[in-house]
Protein backbone atom coordinates (compact mmCIF):
# COMPACT_ATOMS: atom_id res chain seq x y z
CA MET A 1 -3.66 50.91 -113.61
CA SER A 2 -3.99 47.37 -115.53
CA GLY A 3 -6.25 45.60 -117.74
CA ALA A 4 -8.14 49.06 -118.76
CA PRO A 5 -10.48 48.87 -121.79
CA SER A 6 -9.92 50.69 -124.84
CA PRO A 7 -11.69 53.85 -125.21
CA GLY A 8 -14.85 53.84 -127.47
CA GLY A 9 -13.57 53.45 -131.15
CA ALA A 10 -10.17 53.12 -130.67
CA GLN A 11 -8.94 51.11 -133.62
CA VAL A 12 -5.20 50.47 -132.80
CA ARG A 13 -3.67 50.13 -129.10
CA PHE A 14 0.13 50.83 -128.54
CA VAL A 15 1.95 48.78 -126.24
CA VAL A 16 5.07 50.68 -125.03
CA VAL A 17 7.11 48.91 -122.54
CA ALA A 18 10.07 51.30 -121.09
CA TRP A 19 10.88 49.35 -117.90
CA GLY A 20 14.27 50.63 -116.90
CA ARG A 21 14.72 51.98 -120.45
CA SER A 22 12.57 55.15 -120.77
CA ASP A 23 15.38 58.25 -121.71
CA ARG A 24 14.01 57.86 -125.50
CA LEU A 25 10.36 57.27 -124.79
CA ALA A 26 9.11 61.09 -125.10
CA ALA A 27 10.69 60.78 -129.29
CA CYS A 28 8.53 56.83 -128.83
CA LEU A 29 5.37 58.63 -128.46
CA ASP A 30 5.85 61.42 -130.55
CA ALA A 31 6.67 58.86 -133.51
CA ILE A 32 3.43 57.20 -132.36
CA ASP A 33 1.33 60.05 -132.50
CA THR A 34 2.88 61.09 -136.19
CA ALA A 35 2.21 57.55 -137.25
CA SER A 36 -1.33 57.73 -135.83
CA ALA A 37 -2.25 60.85 -137.65
CA GLU A 38 -0.89 59.25 -141.33
CA ALA A 39 -2.50 56.56 -140.88
CA GLY A 40 -6.06 57.85 -140.02
CA VAL A 41 -6.80 55.97 -136.86
CA MET A 42 -8.06 56.55 -133.67
CA ALA A 43 -5.34 55.00 -131.34
CA GLU A 44 -4.38 54.65 -127.32
CA THR A 45 -1.35 53.84 -126.26
CA VAL A 46 -0.58 52.09 -122.76
CA VAL A 47 3.23 52.44 -121.54
CA VAL A 48 4.35 50.48 -118.78
CA LEU A 49 7.32 52.15 -116.43
CA ALA A 50 9.20 51.26 -113.75
CA PRO A 51 8.05 52.54 -109.95
CA PHE A 52 9.26 56.70 -109.90
CA ASP A 53 10.33 57.16 -113.14
CA PRO A 54 11.13 60.55 -113.74
CA ALA A 55 9.68 59.58 -117.38
CA LEU A 56 6.25 59.44 -115.81
CA ALA A 57 6.20 63.34 -115.86
CA LEU A 58 6.20 63.09 -119.84
CA LEU A 59 2.77 61.37 -119.95
CA GLY A 60 0.36 63.91 -118.17
CA PRO A 61 0.27 66.32 -120.70
CA ARG A 62 -0.17 63.53 -123.12
CA GLN A 63 -3.40 62.17 -121.39
CA PRO A 64 -6.07 60.83 -121.64
CA ARG A 65 -4.98 58.81 -124.83
CA VAL A 66 -1.24 57.81 -123.06
CA ARG A 67 -1.85 55.86 -120.41
CA SER A 68 0.59 54.68 -117.78
CA ILE A 69 1.00 51.24 -115.93
CA VAL A 70 3.39 50.71 -113.23
CA PRO A 71 3.53 47.48 -111.87
CA PRO A 72 4.35 47.14 -108.44
CA ALA A 73 8.38 46.23 -107.55
CA GLY A 74 7.53 42.77 -106.25
CA GLU A 75 6.07 41.50 -109.27
CA VAL A 76 7.32 40.00 -113.03
CA HIS A 77 8.12 42.23 -114.88
CA THR A 78 10.26 40.62 -117.96
CA PRO A 79 8.73 42.41 -121.13
CA GLY A 80 6.41 39.47 -122.06
CA ALA A 81 4.96 39.83 -118.65
CA ASN A 82 4.71 43.95 -119.17
CA ARG A 83 3.26 43.92 -122.71
CA ASN A 84 0.54 41.39 -121.64
CA ARG A 85 -0.05 43.96 -118.76
CA ALA A 86 -0.42 46.56 -121.08
CA ALA A 87 -2.13 44.81 -123.50
CA ALA A 88 -5.05 43.54 -121.14
CA GLY A 89 -8.60 45.04 -121.61
CA ALA A 90 -7.77 46.07 -124.95
CA THR A 91 -11.05 46.26 -127.19
CA ALA A 92 -9.13 47.61 -130.54
CA PRO A 93 -8.49 45.01 -133.20
CA PHE A 94 -4.96 45.74 -133.51
CA LEU A 95 -2.23 45.69 -131.01
CA ALA A 96 1.08 47.57 -131.91
CA PHE A 97 4.05 46.66 -129.54
CA VAL A 98 6.30 49.37 -129.72
CA ASP A 99 9.73 49.31 -127.50
CA GLY A 100 10.58 52.43 -125.91
CA ASP A 101 13.35 53.11 -127.58
CA ALA A 102 11.86 52.80 -131.04
CA ALA A 103 10.84 55.50 -133.76
CA ILE A 104 7.59 53.80 -135.42
CA ASP A 105 7.99 54.76 -138.97
CA PRO A 106 5.54 57.11 -140.09
CA ALA A 107 3.60 55.45 -143.19
CA PHE A 108 4.45 51.71 -141.56
CA LEU A 109 1.07 51.82 -139.52
CA ALA A 110 -1.14 52.80 -142.29
CA ALA A 111 0.52 50.03 -144.55
CA ALA A 112 0.24 47.53 -141.87
CA ARG A 113 -2.93 48.27 -140.79
CA ALA A 114 -4.14 47.64 -144.40
CA ARG A 115 -1.98 44.29 -144.37
CA LEU A 116 -3.79 42.73 -141.64
CA GLU A 117 -7.16 43.96 -142.91
CA ALA A 118 -6.53 42.35 -146.68
CA GLU A 119 -5.38 39.00 -144.87
CA PRO A 120 -7.59 37.88 -142.08
CA ALA A 121 -5.39 34.79 -141.57
CA LEU A 122 -2.28 36.67 -140.58
CA GLY A 123 -1.60 37.19 -136.59
CA GLY A 124 0.99 40.25 -136.89
CA VAL A 125 2.85 41.86 -139.65
CA GLY A 126 6.46 44.33 -139.04
CA GLY A 127 9.08 45.43 -141.14
CA ARG A 128 12.93 46.47 -141.52
CA ILE A 129 14.07 47.47 -138.32
CA HIS A 130 16.86 49.95 -138.66
CA GLU A 131 19.32 50.16 -135.19
CA ARG A 132 21.09 53.59 -134.57
CA GLN A 133 23.66 53.71 -131.80
CA TRP A 134 24.16 56.93 -129.79
CA ASP A 135 27.22 58.22 -127.94
CA GLY A 136 25.20 61.10 -126.27
CA ALA A 137 23.69 63.22 -129.20
CA ARG A 138 26.19 61.71 -131.61
CA LEU A 139 24.97 59.03 -134.06
CA VAL A 140 28.05 56.33 -134.11
CA ARG A 141 26.87 53.83 -135.93
CA GLU A 142 23.25 52.50 -138.06
CA ILE A 143 22.58 48.73 -138.67
CA PRO A 144 20.27 48.76 -141.41
CA ASP A 145 17.53 45.67 -141.78
CA SER A 146 18.81 44.45 -138.00
CA TYR A 147 16.75 41.40 -138.30
CA ARG A 148 17.37 40.84 -141.72
CA SER A 149 14.00 40.53 -143.08
CA ARG A 150 15.10 42.04 -146.16
CA ASP A 151 12.46 42.26 -148.90
CA GLY A 152 9.44 41.19 -146.61
CA GLY A 153 7.45 38.03 -146.88
CA PRO A 154 6.98 35.42 -144.47
CA VAL A 155 9.55 35.19 -141.03
CA GLU A 156 9.90 33.71 -137.77
CA MET A 157 9.82 36.61 -135.74
CA LEU A 158 8.78 39.83 -135.60
CA ALA A 159 10.13 42.49 -132.37
CA THR A 160 10.71 46.11 -131.57
CA ALA A 161 8.13 47.51 -133.55
CA TRP A 162 4.97 45.43 -135.20
CA LEU A 163 1.18 45.18 -135.43
CA ALA A 164 -0.28 42.37 -134.10
CA ARG A 165 -3.96 41.26 -134.32
CA ARG A 166 -5.66 40.88 -131.10
CA SER A 167 -8.19 38.12 -131.55
CA ALA A 168 -5.13 36.39 -132.45
CA PHE A 169 -2.61 37.54 -129.53
CA GLU A 170 -5.66 36.52 -127.41
CA ALA A 171 -5.87 33.13 -128.66
CA VAL A 172 -2.75 31.77 -128.21
CA GLY A 173 -2.29 33.45 -124.54
CA GLY A 174 -0.27 36.56 -125.58
CA PHE A 175 3.55 36.61 -124.72
CA ASP A 176 5.37 34.18 -122.15
CA PRO A 177 5.91 36.09 -119.06
CA ARG A 178 8.65 33.68 -117.88
CA LEU A 179 10.86 34.71 -120.53
CA PRO A 180 13.33 37.53 -119.70
CA ALA A 181 14.53 37.38 -123.65
CA GLU A 182 13.15 35.87 -126.80
CA GLU A 183 9.58 36.33 -125.99
CA ASP A 184 9.13 37.93 -129.58
CA VAL A 185 9.81 34.59 -131.30
CA GLU A 186 8.66 32.41 -129.04
CA LEU A 187 5.28 34.16 -129.65
CA CYS A 188 5.35 34.23 -133.45
CA ILE A 189 6.29 30.82 -133.65
CA ARG A 190 2.94 29.97 -131.58
CA LEU A 191 0.86 32.38 -133.67
CA ALA A 192 2.41 30.57 -136.33
CA ASP A 193 1.59 26.99 -135.40
CA ALA A 194 -2.12 27.94 -134.37
CA GLY A 195 -2.78 29.34 -138.13
CA HIS A 196 -1.79 32.78 -137.76
CA PRO A 197 1.68 33.46 -139.50
CA VAL A 198 3.66 36.62 -139.42
CA VAL A 199 4.98 38.71 -141.90
CA ALA A 200 7.27 41.36 -142.77
CA LEU A 201 6.64 44.38 -145.21
CA ASP A 202 9.30 45.46 -147.59
CA ARG A 203 9.40 48.47 -145.81
CA ARG A 204 11.23 50.42 -142.53
CA ALA A 205 8.89 49.74 -139.81
CA ALA A 206 11.14 51.80 -137.24
CA TYR A 207 14.23 52.91 -135.74
CA HIS A 208 15.77 51.19 -132.79
CA ASP A 209 18.10 53.90 -130.74
CA GLY A 210 20.52 52.78 -127.84
CA PRO A 211 24.11 53.11 -126.86
CA PRO A 212 27.22 51.48 -128.72
CA ARG A 213 27.75 47.82 -128.66
CA PRO A 214 29.00 45.52 -128.13
CA SER A 215 30.42 47.09 -125.08
CA LEU A 216 31.59 45.92 -121.67
CA ALA A 217 28.72 48.40 -120.29
CA GLU A 218 26.37 46.05 -122.21
CA PHE A 219 27.51 42.80 -121.35
CA LYS A 220 26.87 43.74 -117.24
CA ARG A 221 23.79 45.53 -117.89
CA ARG A 222 22.16 42.10 -119.98
CA TRP A 223 23.94 39.92 -117.48
CA ARG A 224 22.19 41.82 -114.87
CA SER A 225 18.93 42.20 -116.22
CA GLY A 226 18.32 38.28 -117.38
CA LEU A 227 18.66 39.01 -120.90
CA TYR A 228 21.40 36.76 -121.57
CA ALA A 229 19.42 33.79 -119.70
CA GLY A 230 16.23 34.12 -121.76
CA GLN A 231 17.37 31.61 -124.72
CA GLY A 232 18.04 29.34 -121.96
CA LEU A 233 15.49 29.09 -120.49
CA LEU A 234 13.11 29.28 -123.40
CA LEU A 235 15.12 25.48 -124.27
CA ARG A 236 14.28 24.21 -120.56
CA TYR A 237 10.48 25.05 -121.11
CA SER A 238 10.40 24.05 -124.54
CA TRP A 239 12.26 20.37 -123.55
CA GLY A 240 9.84 17.48 -125.39
CA THR A 241 8.09 19.55 -127.18
CA PRO A 242 8.27 19.79 -130.88
CA ASN A 243 9.55 23.15 -131.17
CA PHE A 244 12.34 21.96 -129.38
CA ALA A 245 14.82 21.58 -132.07
CA ARG A 246 13.99 24.23 -133.74
CA HIS A 247 14.30 26.58 -130.78
CA PHE A 248 18.05 24.98 -130.53
CA ALA A 249 18.72 25.88 -133.61
CA ARG A 250 18.51 29.11 -133.25
CA GLN A 251 20.92 29.41 -131.04
CA GLY A 252 24.24 27.52 -132.91
CA LEU A 253 26.25 30.21 -132.92
CA TYR A 254 26.41 30.67 -128.98
CA LEU A 255 26.47 27.39 -128.16
CA GLY A 256 29.45 26.93 -130.94
CA ALA A 257 31.03 29.86 -129.63
CA LEU A 258 31.13 28.39 -126.20
CA ALA A 259 32.50 25.17 -127.35
CA PHE A 260 35.05 26.78 -129.01
CA VAL A 261 36.14 28.16 -126.11
CA ALA A 262 35.69 25.27 -124.30
CA LEU A 263 37.74 23.68 -126.51
CA GLY A 264 40.80 26.04 -126.37
CA ALA A 265 40.72 25.53 -122.62
CA PHE A 266 41.31 21.66 -123.39
CA PHE A 267 44.06 22.18 -125.28
CA ALA A 268 45.53 24.80 -123.11
CA LEU A 269 45.36 22.06 -120.12
CA SER A 270 46.72 19.23 -122.28
CA ALA A 271 49.83 21.40 -123.20
CA LEU A 272 50.30 22.40 -119.87
CA LEU A 273 50.30 18.68 -118.61
CA GLY A 274 53.22 17.60 -121.18
CA VAL A 275 50.39 16.38 -123.42
CA ARG A 276 52.14 15.34 -126.67
CA ARG A 277 50.96 17.41 -129.90
CA ALA A 278 48.80 19.42 -127.31
CA PRO A 279 50.59 22.85 -128.05
CA GLY A 280 50.52 22.16 -131.83
CA ALA A 281 46.58 22.12 -131.58
CA LEU A 282 46.71 25.15 -129.31
CA GLY A 283 48.44 26.97 -131.83
CA THR A 284 46.20 26.02 -134.64
CA TRP A 285 43.32 27.03 -131.98
CA LEU A 286 44.68 30.01 -131.43
CA TRP A 287 45.24 31.06 -135.25
CA THR A 288 41.75 30.52 -135.75
CA LEU A 289 40.42 32.76 -132.94
CA GLY A 290 42.50 35.31 -134.62
CA LEU A 291 41.06 35.03 -137.79
CA ALA A 292 37.79 34.92 -136.49
CA VAL A 293 38.52 38.05 -134.93
CA ALA A 294 40.13 39.63 -138.11
CA VAL A 295 37.09 38.58 -140.08
CA MET A 296 34.74 40.12 -136.96
CA ALA A 297 37.15 43.27 -137.20
CA VAL A 298 36.79 43.81 -140.70
CA ARG A 299 32.44 43.20 -140.59
CA LYS A 300 32.11 45.73 -137.81
CA ARG A 301 34.93 47.88 -138.84
CA SER A 302 36.72 48.02 -135.47
CA LEU A 303 39.31 45.73 -134.23
CA SER A 304 37.63 46.24 -130.69
CA ALA A 305 34.31 45.68 -131.60
CA GLY A 306 35.04 42.76 -133.48
CA ALA A 307 36.79 41.20 -130.50
CA LEU A 308 33.39 42.48 -128.30
CA ALA A 309 31.70 40.41 -130.80
CA ILE A 310 32.90 37.35 -130.27
CA ALA A 311 32.96 37.84 -126.80
CA THR A 312 29.44 38.53 -127.17
CA TRP A 313 28.78 35.22 -128.48
CA ILE A 314 30.50 33.15 -125.93
CA VAL A 315 29.06 35.05 -122.88
CA LEU A 316 25.23 34.38 -124.30
CA GLY A 317 26.28 31.20 -124.90
CA ALA A 318 26.92 30.92 -121.31
CA GLY A 319 24.06 32.26 -119.89
CA ILE A 320 22.22 29.87 -122.44
CA VAL A 321 23.74 26.88 -120.62
CA ARG A 322 23.01 28.16 -117.29
CA ALA A 323 19.76 29.06 -117.60
CA TRP A 324 18.89 26.21 -119.52
CA ALA A 325 20.58 24.01 -116.58
CA LEU A 326 19.79 25.90 -113.69
CA GLY A 327 16.99 28.08 -114.39
CA PRO A 328 13.59 27.92 -112.56
CA ARG A 329 10.70 25.50 -114.43
CA GLY A 330 7.86 27.83 -113.22
CA ALA A 331 3.86 27.31 -114.81
CA THR A 332 2.94 29.69 -117.26
């Protein structure tokens, strides 16, 4: 099912993408029910799931207010493409984009809707996203305000759980379906360029739940799913446009980490070839690397987590360069 119109009177359509990550969908839908009730709005929810996902069984008792879309395996199913599918045909004035592993805050919907109604030029409203990392049923870490929206105000990006003005979303063409990641910031920049800026409220919008990270398992999952390619593809597609420099600047940390590794490899090779002063340069490089790991270990309160964080930057930098240089061009 795709492009289904909103039932008469729906004021908000929740767009929930749980493709391949549906283990927390029940909590997500429960939170949506609570937020809708507290806001006093008539809401509908469209969930995008992978074929044969067991979570489809959760939706039966929730019909007709919750409907599902199961795109065929051969179609494009990036996060942006799936959100566009679930938003198609809506007549509700607002679209609430909520990840399938997020639990929207009970009071957020009412506050976000009030802000959009008060300021007709706004394209979207979000808030602080608190990340919770779980090992089974045990909460191992919580990161408040993971996107650093702080006290609210104008922001460059909204993600995980936010409310969009449907007319503005449709006017700019929705999400870029080519991007396996970074689709949120790309859309928000286009909204702002079209005169529909996005803002964050000084309140929590949602909890974002998932396994502990960074981790080796997360490396593998993100590489296989193409999540490490999103930024590189965005650079490829925005080359020659006014926003290229803006997108490039956002990747400075990851490209810098990759360049640092390349520099270390150069020093190591030079030392093996007997180049004078190369051993000293390599020693300085190793000292700098150790200092960076130590700093991150203090921030993460774990030596392994600190080292994995730096490894994440390097792997992401490699994914960016690979996709930027070799990724498909494609048309929007």
